[in-house]
Amino acid sequence: MNFEIKETGQRLTDREIAAYEAGAKVRLPPQYRSFLKRINGFISLVMIGPNNGLDADLSEFFPLFSDSKRSPTKTVECVNDLIWFGVDSGGGRFGLAHSGQNFGKIFWFDLPHSNIVEPTSADCVFVAETFNAFIEGLVEIN
């Protein structure tokens, strides 16, 4: 990542990630698991967003879970086949599919402007084929 961030969560171990998966009854894609061991949540200190024409920024990347010392206001949330891992400045959500034919793909949903309370990946805008492609495609927005 070529932009400045402030980490909000503690880096996770394989054991902590496996415990989360067991408790949430989800399987996290390997690329996301690897990222959580390096960075478990962040706030960007500059405006960033995907470099694919989507008119959305990534203002916060939620930690999978947090320790009580740092206690950020929000952690990831699982809804249907998605893990909401980030939010844009307008309240739209970035999600990672954790099951089905879209496993590992990244989506965006305009949550504040929709009547759908618990969307699936089919209700969302496709953003990236993989988690790594999403992260590598983030750029500073001027």
Protein backbone atom coordinates (compact mmCIF):
# COMPACT_ATOMS: atom_id res chain seq x y z
CA MET A 1 0.00 0.00 0.00
CA ASN A 2 1.45 3.30 -1.07
CA PHE A 3 -0.46 5.57 1.29
CA GLU A 4 -0.32 6.43 4.96
CA ILE A 5 -2.59 4.52 7.36
CA LYS A 6 -3.24 4.30 11.08
CA GLU A 7 -3.70 0.71 12.22
CA THR A 8 -6.74 0.16 14.43
CA GLY A 9 -6.49 -3.50 15.35
CA GLN A 10 -3.85 -5.85 16.68
CA ARG A 11 -2.22 -8.21 14.17
CA LEU A 12 -3.77 -11.65 14.37
CA THR A 13 -2.34 -15.14 14.62
CA ASP A 14 -3.51 -18.21 12.71
CA ARG A 15 -5.05 -19.50 15.94
CA GLU A 16 -7.06 -16.28 16.50
CA ILE A 17 -8.31 -16.29 12.92
CA ALA A 18 -9.29 -19.97 13.15
CA ALA A 19 -11.16 -19.27 16.40
CA TYR A 20 -13.06 -16.43 14.70
CA GLU A 21 -13.96 -18.69 11.75
CA ALA A 22 -15.22 -21.41 14.10
CA GLY A 23 -17.30 -18.97 16.13
CA ALA A 24 -18.75 -17.13 13.12
CA LYS A 25 -19.12 -20.38 11.14
CA VAL A 26 -17.39 -18.90 8.08
CA ARG A 27 -14.31 -19.72 6.04
CA LEU A 28 -12.13 -16.70 5.31
CA PRO A 29 -10.35 -16.56 1.94
CA PRO A 30 -6.59 -17.21 2.24
CA GLN A 31 -5.61 -13.75 0.92
CA TYR A 32 -7.76 -12.05 3.56
CA ARG A 33 -6.35 -14.31 6.30
CA SER A 34 -2.82 -13.40 5.23
CA PHE A 35 -3.64 -9.67 5.28
CA LEU A 36 -5.11 -9.89 8.81
CA LYS A 37 -1.80 -11.31 10.06
CA ARG A 38 -0.06 -8.14 8.79
CA ILE A 39 -2.78 -5.49 9.23
CA ASN A 40 -5.99 -6.04 11.18
CA GLY A 41 -7.92 -2.88 10.44
CA PHE A 42 -6.91 0.64 9.51
CA ILE A 43 -8.03 4.18 8.88
CA SER A 44 -6.45 5.83 5.87
CA LEU A 45 -4.86 9.20 6.56
CA VAL A 46 -5.51 10.21 2.94
CA MET A 47 -8.59 9.58 0.78
CA ILE A 48 -8.21 6.23 -1.03
CA GLY A 49 -10.44 4.13 -3.23
CA PRO A 50 -10.44 1.36 -5.81
CA ASN A 51 -8.93 2.30 -9.16
CA ASN A 52 -11.77 0.81 -11.22
CA GLY A 53 -14.24 3.65 -11.77
CA LEU A 54 -16.32 2.95 -8.65
CA ASP A 55 -17.34 6.26 -7.10
CA ALA A 56 -16.55 5.22 -3.53
CA ASP A 57 -13.67 5.71 -1.15
CA LEU A 58 -12.42 3.36 1.56
CA SER A 59 -12.46 5.44 4.73
CA GLU A 60 -12.13 2.61 7.23
CA PHE A 61 -11.04 -1.02 7.06
CA PHE A 62 -12.59 -2.83 10.03
CA PRO A 63 -10.53 -5.16 12.22
CA LEU A 64 -11.77 -8.75 12.35
CA PHE A 65 -12.15 -8.27 16.07
CA SER A 66 -10.40 -6.03 18.55
CA ASP A 67 -8.75 -6.22 21.90
CA SER A 68 -10.27 -4.20 24.71
CA LYS A 69 -7.34 -1.75 24.84
CA ARG A 70 -7.91 -0.26 21.41
CA SER A 71 -11.65 -1.00 21.04
CA PRO A 72 -12.52 0.58 17.70
CA THR A 73 -16.13 1.51 17.16
CA LYS A 74 -16.77 -1.13 14.50
CA THR A 75 -15.51 -4.60 13.63
CA VAL A 76 -16.35 -6.86 10.68
CA GLU A 77 -19.91 -8.11 10.38
CA CYS A 78 -21.15 -11.21 8.55
CA VAL A 79 -24.43 -10.92 6.62
CA ASN A 80 -25.55 -13.76 4.35
CA ASP A 81 -22.57 -14.60 2.09
CA LEU A 82 -20.64 -11.38 2.84
CA ILE A 83 -18.20 -10.13 5.42
CA TRP A 84 -18.49 -6.33 5.63
CA PHE A 85 -14.84 -5.36 6.09
CA GLY A 86 -14.87 -1.68 5.19
CA VAL A 87 -16.94 1.45 4.79
CA ASP A 88 -16.82 4.51 2.57
CA SER A 89 -17.37 8.08 3.76
CA GLY A 90 -21.04 7.93 2.71
CA GLY A 91 -21.79 4.74 4.65
CA GLY A 92 -21.52 2.33 1.71
CA ARG A 93 -19.98 -1.03 2.61
CA PHE A 94 -17.21 -3.12 1.10
CA GLY A 95 -17.80 -6.84 1.43
CA LEU A 96 -15.86 -10.03 0.86
CA ALA A 97 -17.81 -13.12 -0.21
CA HIS A 98 -17.06 -15.96 2.22
CA SER A 99 -19.08 -18.68 0.49
CA GLY A 100 -20.65 -19.84 -2.75
CA GLN A 101 -19.63 -19.13 -6.33
CA ASN A 102 -18.39 -15.64 -5.40
CA PHE A 103 -16.02 -16.88 -2.68
CA GLY A 104 -13.13 -14.43 -2.27
CA LYS A 105 -14.56 -11.70 -4.53
CA ILE A 106 -14.98 -8.11 -3.35
CA PHE A 107 -18.26 -6.20 -3.60
CA TRP A 108 -19.62 -2.76 -2.68
CA PHE A 109 -23.14 -1.95 -1.51
CA ASP A 110 -24.73 1.48 -1.03
CA LEU A 111 -26.30 0.51 2.29
CA PRO A 112 -27.66 3.95 3.32
CA HIS A 113 -29.56 4.37 0.03
CA SER A 114 -31.15 0.93 -0.21
CA ASN A 115 -34.25 -0.74 1.15
CA ILE A 116 -32.39 -4.06 1.30
CA VAL A 117 -31.46 -4.62 4.94
CA GLU A 118 -29.33 -7.76 4.56
CA PRO A 119 -27.96 -7.86 1.01
CA THR A 120 -26.19 -10.77 -0.60
CA SER A 121 -23.36 -10.48 -3.10
CA ALA A 122 -25.99 -10.67 -5.87
CA ASP A 123 -27.37 -7.31 -4.66
CA CYS A 124 -23.97 -5.61 -4.75
CA VAL A 125 -21.63 -3.98 -7.26
CA PHE A 126 -18.66 -6.16 -8.18
CA VAL A 127 -15.35 -4.47 -7.29
CA ALA A 128 -12.50 -6.99 -7.58
CA GLU A 129 -11.90 -10.64 -8.37
CA THR A 130 -9.70 -11.21 -5.30
CA PHE A 131 -8.83 -9.53 -2.02
CA ASN A 132 -5.24 -8.95 -3.16
CA ALA A 133 -6.46 -7.33 -6.40
CA PHE A 134 -8.64 -5.01 -4.31
CA ILE A 135 -5.80 -3.99 -1.97
CA GLU A 136 -3.30 -3.60 -4.83
CA GLY A 137 -5.84 -1.49 -6.74
CA LEU A 138 -6.35 1.07 -3.98
CA VAL A 139 -5.10 4.51 -4.96
CA GLU A 140 -5.08 7.95 -3.43
CA ILE A 141 -8.05 10.02 -4.56
CA ASN A 142 -7.46 13.71 -5.14
